[in-house]
C-alpha atoms as a PDB file:
ATOM      1  CA  MET A   1     -69.547-144.412 -78.218  1.00  0.00           C
ATOM      2  CA  ALA A   2     -66.308-142.481 -77.797  1.00  0.00           C
ATOM      3  CA  ILE A   3     -63.319-144.296 -76.367  1.00  0.00           C
ATOM      4  CA  SER A   4     -61.272-142.273 -73.994  1.00  0.00           C
ATOM      5  CA  PRO A   5     -59.452-142.366 -70.713  1.00  0.00           C
ATOM      6  CA  PRO A   6     -60.392-139.688 -68.211  1.00  0.00           C
ATOM      7  CA  CYS A   7     -58.122-136.731 -68.904  1.00  0.00           C
ATOM      8  CA  SER A   8     -57.511-135.688 -65.329  1.00  0.00           C
ATOM      9  CA  ILE A   9     -53.778-135.338 -65.986  1.00  0.00           C
ATOM     10  CA  ILE A  10     -53.173-132.076 -67.765  1.00  0.00           C
ATOM     11  CA  ARG A  11     -49.558-131.115 -68.438  1.00  0.00           C
ATOM     12  CA  PRO A  12     -48.411-127.585 -69.129  1.00  0.00           C
ATOM     13  CA  VAL A  13     -46.614-127.624 -72.484  1.00  0.00           C
ATOM     14  CA  ARG A  14     -43.656-125.725 -71.059  1.00  0.00           C
ATOM     15  CA  GLN A  15     -43.113-128.586 -68.587  1.00  0.00           C
ATOM     16  CA  THR A  16     -43.347-131.283 -71.262  1.00  0.00           C
ATOM     17  CA  THR A  17     -40.468-132.394 -73.447  1.00  0.00           C
ATOM     18  CA  PRO A  18     -40.821-132.106 -77.232  1.00  0.00           C
ATOM     19  CA  ASP A  19     -40.547-135.891 -77.681  1.00  0.00           C
ATOM     20  CA  VAL A  20     -43.518-136.444 -75.317  1.00  0.00           C
ATOM     21  CA  ILE A  21     -45.593-133.846 -77.171  1.00  0.00           C
ATOM     22  CA  THR A  22     -44.685-135.404 -80.528  1.00  0.00           C
ATOM     23  CA  ALA A  23     -45.599-138.875 -79.236  1.00  0.00           C
ATOM     24  CA  ILE A  24     -49.019-137.672 -78.015  1.00  0.00           C
ATOM     25  CA  VAL A  25     -49.800-135.938 -81.325  1.00  0.00           C
ATOM     26  CA  GLN A  26     -48.657-138.931 -83.393  1.00  0.00           C
ATOM     27  CA  ARG A  27     -50.625-141.361 -81.190  1.00  0.00           C
ATOM     28  CA  ALA A  28     -53.709-139.154 -81.535  1.00  0.00           C
ATOM     29  CA  GLY A  29     -53.447-139.146 -85.349  1.00  0.00           C
ATOM     30  CA  ASN A  30     -52.707-142.852 -85.632  1.00  0.00           C
ATOM     31  CA  ASN A  31     -55.538-143.860 -83.284  1.00  0.00           C
ATOM     32  CA  ALA A  32     -58.043-141.528 -84.969  1.00  0.00           C
ATOM     33  CA  ALA A  33     -57.104-143.023 -88.355  1.00  0.00           C
ATOM     34  CA  SER A  34     -57.508-146.540 -86.911  1.00  0.00           C
ATOM     35  CA  ILE A  35     -60.981-145.625 -85.657  1.00  0.00           C
ATOM     36  CA  VAL A  36     -62.068-144.459 -89.138  1.00  0.00           C
ATOM     37  CA  ARG A  37     -60.664-147.634 -90.709  1.00  0.00           C
ATOM     38  CA  ALA A  38     -62.422-149.875 -88.177  1.00  0.00           C
ATOM     39  CA  VAL A  39     -65.780-148.081 -87.933  1.00  0.00           C
ATOM     40  CA  ALA A  40     -66.204-146.764 -91.487  1.00  0.00           C
ATOM     41  CA  GLY A  41     -64.237-149.483 -93.289  1.00  0.00           C
ATOM     42  CA  ILE A  42     -62.168-146.964 -95.224  1.00  0.00           C
ATOM     43  CA  ALA A  43     -58.515-147.635 -96.021  1.00  0.00           C
ATOM     44  CA  ASP A  44     -57.444-144.344 -97.651  1.00  0.00           C
ATOM     45  CA  ILE A  45     -57.257-142.017 -94.611  1.00  0.00           C
ATOM     46  CA  VAL A  46     -55.590-138.632 -94.112  1.00  0.00           C
ATOM     47  CA  THR A  47     -55.158-136.685 -90.886  1.00  0.00           C
ATOM     48  CA  ARG A  48     -55.204-132.943 -90.365  1.00  0.00           C
ATOM     49  CA  ASP A  49     -55.262-130.476 -87.497  1.00  0.00           C
ATOM     50  CA  LEU A  50     -58.578-129.599 -85.907  1.00  0.00           C
ATOM     51  CA  ASN A  51     -59.671-126.116 -86.984  1.00  0.00           C
ATOM     52  CA  ALA A  52     -62.038-123.830 -85.096  1.00  0.00           C
ATOM     53  CA  SER A  53     -64.223-123.872 -88.231  1.00  0.00           C
ATOM     54  CA  ASP A  54     -64.696-127.639 -87.737  1.00  0.00           C
ATOM     55  CA  VAL A  55     -66.363-126.872 -84.420  1.00  0.00           C
ATOM     56  CA  TYR A  56     -68.606-123.970 -85.397  1.00  0.00           C
ATOM     57  CA  ALA A  57     -68.991-121.229 -87.998  1.00  0.00           C
ATOM     58  CA  THR A  58     -65.991-118.950 -87.512  1.00  0.00           C
ATOM     59  CA  THR A  59     -63.409-117.414 -89.759  1.00  0.00           C
ATOM     60  CA  THR A  60     -61.026-116.258 -87.017  1.00  0.00           C
ATOM     61  CA  GLY A  61     -59.286-119.581 -86.379  1.00  0.00           C
ATOM     62  CA  ARG A  62     -60.149-119.197 -82.695  1.00  0.00           C
ATOM     63  CA  MET A  63     -63.009-120.375 -80.529  1.00  0.00           C
ATOM     64  CA  THR A  64     -65.094-118.167 -78.231  1.00  0.00           C
ATOM     65  CA  ASN A  65     -67.962-118.795 -75.856  1.00  0.00           C
ATOM     66  CA  PRO A  66     -70.970-118.523 -78.210  1.00  0.00           C
ATOM     67  CA  THR A  67     -73.364-117.371 -75.471  1.00  0.00           C
ATOM     68  CA  ALA A  68     -72.907-115.710 -72.099  1.00  0.00           C
ATOM     69  CA  LEU A  69     -71.791-117.947 -69.242  1.00  0.00           C
ATOM     70  CA  VAL A  70     -73.663-117.736 -65.938  1.00  0.00           C
ATOM     71  CA  ALA A  71     -71.570-118.203 -62.781  1.00  0.00           C
ATOM     72  CA  ASN A  72     -71.359-121.822 -61.574  1.00  0.00           C
ATOM     73  CA  THR A  73     -73.748-123.009 -64.298  1.00  0.00           C
ATOM     74  CA  VAL A  74     -72.633-125.376 -67.047  1.00  0.00           C
ATOM     75  CA  LEU A  75     -73.212-124.144 -70.596  1.00  0.00           C
ATOM     76  CA  ALA A  76     -73.978-127.553 -72.082  1.00  0.00           C
ATOM     77  CA  ASP A  77     -73.401-128.261 -75.765  1.00  0.00           C
ATOM     78  CA  ALA A  78     -71.876-124.829 -76.341  1.00  0.00           C
ATOM     79  CA  PHE A  79     -71.197-125.605 -80.021  1.00  0.00           C
ATOM     80  CA  THR A  80     -74.431-127.270 -81.139  1.00  0.00           C
ATOM     81  CA  SER A  81     -73.236-128.021 -84.664  1.00  0.00           C
ATOM     82  CA  PHE A  82     -70.073-129.921 -83.641  1.00  0.00           C
ATOM     83  CA  SER A  83     -70.611-133.331 -85.249  1.00  0.00           C
ATOM     84  CA  LEU A  84     -68.452-135.720 -87.206  1.00  0.00           C
ATOM     85  CA  ASN A  85     -69.577-137.215 -90.500  1.00  0.00           C
ATOM     86  CA  GLN A  86     -69.554-140.943 -91.280  1.00  0.00           C
ATOM     87  CA  THR A  87     -65.910-140.877 -92.433  1.00  0.00           C
ATOM     88  CA  GLN A  88     -64.296-138.780 -89.672  1.00  0.00           C
ATOM     89  CA  ALA A  89     -62.795-139.469 -86.250  1.00  0.00           C
ATOM     90  CA  LEU A  90     -61.377-136.914 -83.850  1.00  0.00           C
ATOM     91  CA  ALA A  91     -58.722-136.884 -81.142  1.00  0.00           C
ATOM     92  CA  ILE A  92     -58.507-133.818 -78.871  1.00  0.00           C
ATOM     93  CA  TYR A  93     -55.209-133.561 -76.979  1.00  0.00           C
ATOM     94  CA  GLY A  94     -54.722-129.939 -75.906  1.00  0.00           C
ATOM     95  CA  TYR A  95     -56.177-126.629 -74.782  1.00  0.00           C
ATOM     96  CA  VAL A  96     -54.847-123.125 -75.421  1.00  0.00           C
ATOM     97  CA  ALA A  97     -56.160-120.136 -73.453  1.00  0.00           C
ATOM     98  CA  LEU A  98     -55.903-117.083 -75.721  1.00  0.00           C
ATOM     99  CA  SER A  99     -57.665-114.493 -73.547  1.00  0.00           C
ATOM    100  CA  ALA A 100     -55.470-112.097 -71.561  1.00  0.00           C
ATOM    101  CA  SER A 101     -57.413-113.042 -68.423  1.00  0.00           C
ATOM    102  CA  PRO A 102     -58.916-116.547 -68.898  1.00  0.00           C
ATOM    103  CA  GLN A 103     -62.324-117.021 -67.289  1.00  0.00           C
ATOM    104  CA  ILE A 104     -63.405-120.554 -68.223  1.00  0.00           C
ATOM    105  CA  ASP A 105     -62.652-122.837 -65.282  1.00  0.00           C
ATOM    106  CA  GLN A 106     -63.628-126.140 -66.841  1.00  0.00           C
ATOM    107  CA  VAL A 107     -64.286-127.699 -70.230  1.00  0.00           C
ATOM    108  CA  SER A 108     -66.049-131.054 -70.367  1.00  0.00           C
ATOM    109  CA  PHE A 109     -66.839-133.473 -73.185  1.00  0.00           C
ATOM    110  CA  SER A 110     -69.559-136.009 -73.864  1.00  0.00           C
ATOM    111  CA  VAL A 111     -71.173-137.605 -76.893  1.00  0.00           C
ATOM    112  CA  GLY A 112     -74.657-136.272 -77.543  1.00  0.00           C
ATOM    113  CA  SER A 113     -76.589-136.170 -74.295  1.00  0.00           C
ATOM    114  CA  SER A 114     -74.653-139.013 -72.655  1.00  0.00           C
ATOM    115  CA  ALA A 115     -72.891-138.661 -69.325  1.00  0.00           C
ATOM    116  CA  THR A 116     -69.746-136.545 -69.196  1.00  0.00           C
ATOM    117  CA  TYR A 117     -66.679-138.726 -69.697  1.00  0.00           C
ATOM    118  CA  ALA A 118     -63.803-136.233 -69.878  1.00  0.00           C
ATOM    119  CA  ILE A 119     -63.282-133.064 -67.842  1.00  0.00           C
ATOM    120  CA  LEU A 120     -60.507-130.491 -68.221  1.00  0.00           C
ATOM    121  CA  PRO A 121     -60.103-128.544 -64.969  1.00  0.00           C
ATOM    122  CA  LEU A 122     -58.281-125.373 -66.014  1.00  0.00           C
ATOM    123  CA  GLY A 123     -57.938-123.392 -62.777  1.00  0.00           C
ATOM    124  CA  SER A 124     -54.543-124.804 -61.784  1.00  0.00           C
ATOM    125  CA  LEU A 125     -53.132-123.907 -65.211  1.00  0.00           C
ATOM    126  CA  TYR A 126     -54.185-120.306 -64.819  1.00  0.00           C
ATOM    127  CA  ASP A 127     -52.743-120.216 -61.288  1.00  0.00           C
ATOM    128  CA  GLU A 128     -49.375-121.106 -62.820  1.00  0.00           C
ATOM    129  CA  GLN A 129     -49.906-118.609 -65.667  1.00  0.00           C
ATOM    130  CA  VAL A 130     -49.869-121.385 -68.255  1.00  0.00           C
ATOM    131  CA  ALA A 131     -51.697-120.783 -71.527  1.00  0.00           C
ATOM    132  CA  THR A 132     -51.209-124.146 -73.269  1.00  0.00           C
ATOM    133  CA  ALA A 133     -51.829-127.603 -71.858  1.00  0.00           C
ATOM    134  CA  ILE A 134     -51.596-131.087 -73.315  1.00  0.00           C
ATOM    135  CA  PHE A 135     -53.274-134.303 -72.135  1.00  0.00           C
ATOM    136  CA  GLU A 136     -53.927-137.875 -73.193  1.00  0.00           C
ATOM    137  CA  PRO A 137     -56.168-137.728 -76.286  1.00  0.00           C
ATOM    138  CA  ILE A 138     -59.945-137.860 -76.062  1.00  0.00           C
ATOM    139  CA  TYR A 139     -61.338-139.833 -79.028  1.00  0.00           C
ATOM    140  CA  PHE A 140     -64.596-139.501 -80.936  1.00  0.00           C
ATOM    141  CA  GLN A 141     -65.905-141.898 -83.594  1.00  0.00           C
ATOM    142  CA  PRO A 142     -67.671-141.255 -86.927  1.00  0.00           C
ATOM    143  CA  ASN A 143     -71.223-139.857 -86.748  1.00  0.00           C
ATOM    144  CA  GLU A 144     -70.867-138.670 -83.158  1.00  0.00           C
ATOM    145  CA  HIS A 145     -72.132-135.314 -81.930  1.00  0.00           C
ATOM    146  CA  ILE A 146     -69.465-133.834 -79.675  1.00  0.00           C
ATOM    147  CA  ASN A 147     -70.927-131.995 -76.716  1.00  0.00           C
ATOM    148  CA  VAL A 148     -68.439-129.404 -75.404  1.00  0.00           C
ATOM    149  CA  SER A 149     -69.602-127.812 -72.143  1.00  0.00           C
ATOM    150  CA  LEU A 150     -68.089-124.729 -70.507  1.00  0.00           C
ATOM    151  CA  LEU A 151     -68.119-123.642 -66.846  1.00  0.00           C
ATOM    152  CA  THR A 152     -66.997-120.487 -65.046  1.00  0.00           C
ATOM    153  CA  GLY A 153     -66.904-119.747 -61.344  1.00  0.00           C
ATOM    154  CA  LEU A 154     -66.625-116.007 -61.961  1.00  0.00           C
ATOM    155  CA  ALA A 155     -69.443-114.360 -59.945  1.00  0.00           C
ATOM    156  CA  ALA A 156     -70.299-111.949 -62.752  1.00  0.00           C
ATOM    157  CA  GLY A 157     -70.281-114.725 -65.352  1.00  0.00           C
ATOM    158  CA  VAL A 158     -68.665-114.264 -68.755  1.00  0.00           C
ATOM    159  CA  ALA A 159     -70.126-112.091 -71.507  1.00  0.00           C
ATOM    160  CA  GLN A 160     -70.835-113.637 -74.910  1.00  0.00           C
ATOM    161  CA  TYR A 161     -67.655-113.964 -77.028  1.00  0.00           C
ATOM    162  CA  ALA A 162     -65.467-112.705 -74.122  1.00  0.00           C
ATOM    163  CA  GLU A 163     -63.366-115.854 -73.766  1.00  0.00           C
ATOM    164  CA  THR A 164     -61.028-116.898 -76.597  1.00  0.00           C
ATOM    165  CA  PHE A 165     -59.390-120.329 -76.727  1.00  0.00           C
ATOM    166  CA  MET A 166     -58.459-123.237 -78.976  1.00  0.00           C
ATOM    167  CA  LEU A 167     -58.792-126.989 -78.722  1.00  0.00           C
ATOM    168  CA  LEU A 168     -55.795-128.834 -80.141  1.00  0.00           C
ATOM    169  CA  GLY A 169     -56.692-131.975 -82.008  1.00  0.00           C
ATOM    170  CA  VAL A 170     -56.422-134.137 -85.084  1.00  0.00           C
ATOM    171  CA  ILE A 171     -59.193-135.177 -87.469  1.00  0.00           C
ATOM    172  CA  ALA A 172     -58.762-138.359 -89.456  1.00  0.00           C
ATOM    173  CA  GLU A 173     -60.989-138.572 -92.506  1.00  0.00           C
ATOM    174  CA  GLN A 174     -61.421-140.220 -95.855  1.00  0.00           C
ATOM    175  CA  ALA A 175     -58.934-138.923 -98.423  1.00  0.00           C
ATOM    176  CA  GLY A 176     -60.652-136.574-100.824  1.00  0.00           C
ATOM    177  CA  PHE A 177     -63.106-135.122 -98.301  1.00  0.00           C
ATOM    178  CA  ARG A 178     -60.998-132.027 -97.542  1.00  0.00           C
ATOM    179  CA  ILE A 179     -57.478-133.196 -98.351  1.00  0.00           C
ATOM    180  CA  SER A 180     -57.117-134.750-101.786  1.00  0.00           C
ATOM    181  CA  SER A 181     -54.499-137.421-101.126  1.00  0.00           C
ATOM    182  CA  PRO A 182     -52.500-138.913 -98.303  1.00  0.00           C
ATOM    183  CA  ARG A 183     -49.393-136.942 -97.500  1.00  0.00           C
ATOM    184  CA  GLU A 184     -45.931-138.332 -97.031  1.00  0.00           C
ATOM    185  CA  VAL A 185     -44.950-138.276 -93.373  1.00  0.00           C
ATOM    186  CA  VAL A 186     -41.518-136.750 -92.853  1.00  0.00           C
ATOM    187  CA  GLY A 187     -40.172-136.663 -89.300  1.00  0.00           C
ATOM    188  CA  GLY A 188     -43.634-137.063 -87.818  1.00  0.00           C
ATOM    189  CA  PHE A 189     -45.226-134.239 -89.823  1.00  0.00           C
ATOM    190  CA  ALA A 190     -47.201-134.362 -93.059  1.00  0.00           C
ATOM    191  CA  ALA A 191     -45.355-132.988 -96.059  1.00  0.00           C
ATOM    192  CA  GLY A 192     -46.953-131.774 -99.283  1.00  0.00           C
ATOM    193  CA  ALA A 193     -48.218-134.458-101.621  1.00  0.00           C
END
């Protein structure tokens, strides 16, 4: 089961100091690595940024709504292939709206078909014309299927692939899976090995 506080407090990045952002990102990476060590029993762990291609098959580096959104109807499990393997943990800590006119009002998270445990209400961000938000990390453990659900209140709904966004996060995984060796941390960021 994922461990996570409710993420009802969403901070616009422009209203957050760099040291707070750095602390959230570092905490997300450290906690995700600790989860892999504890659950999978692996000591040699590396962390990397979450890529859109980790979530679903894309080469653009961005996420879109994979099917049309119907007004006031939750599109549950929008990215059906979004699962972690037995040596990965994930921390999601931010959202970036990339569309010129964002239309997704809410993103929610659960594990598999379990009850929703984290909701990102996005309407107030758009009201303030904020594109990037940061929040306390939402954690997922190895072997979990991450259910990302999308909701719009737009009466006409949202056409397939019309909304573009990114989830900011960190994946901790066994060294050698995608990154060959642990990287030296310099000033809070991974440097080349």
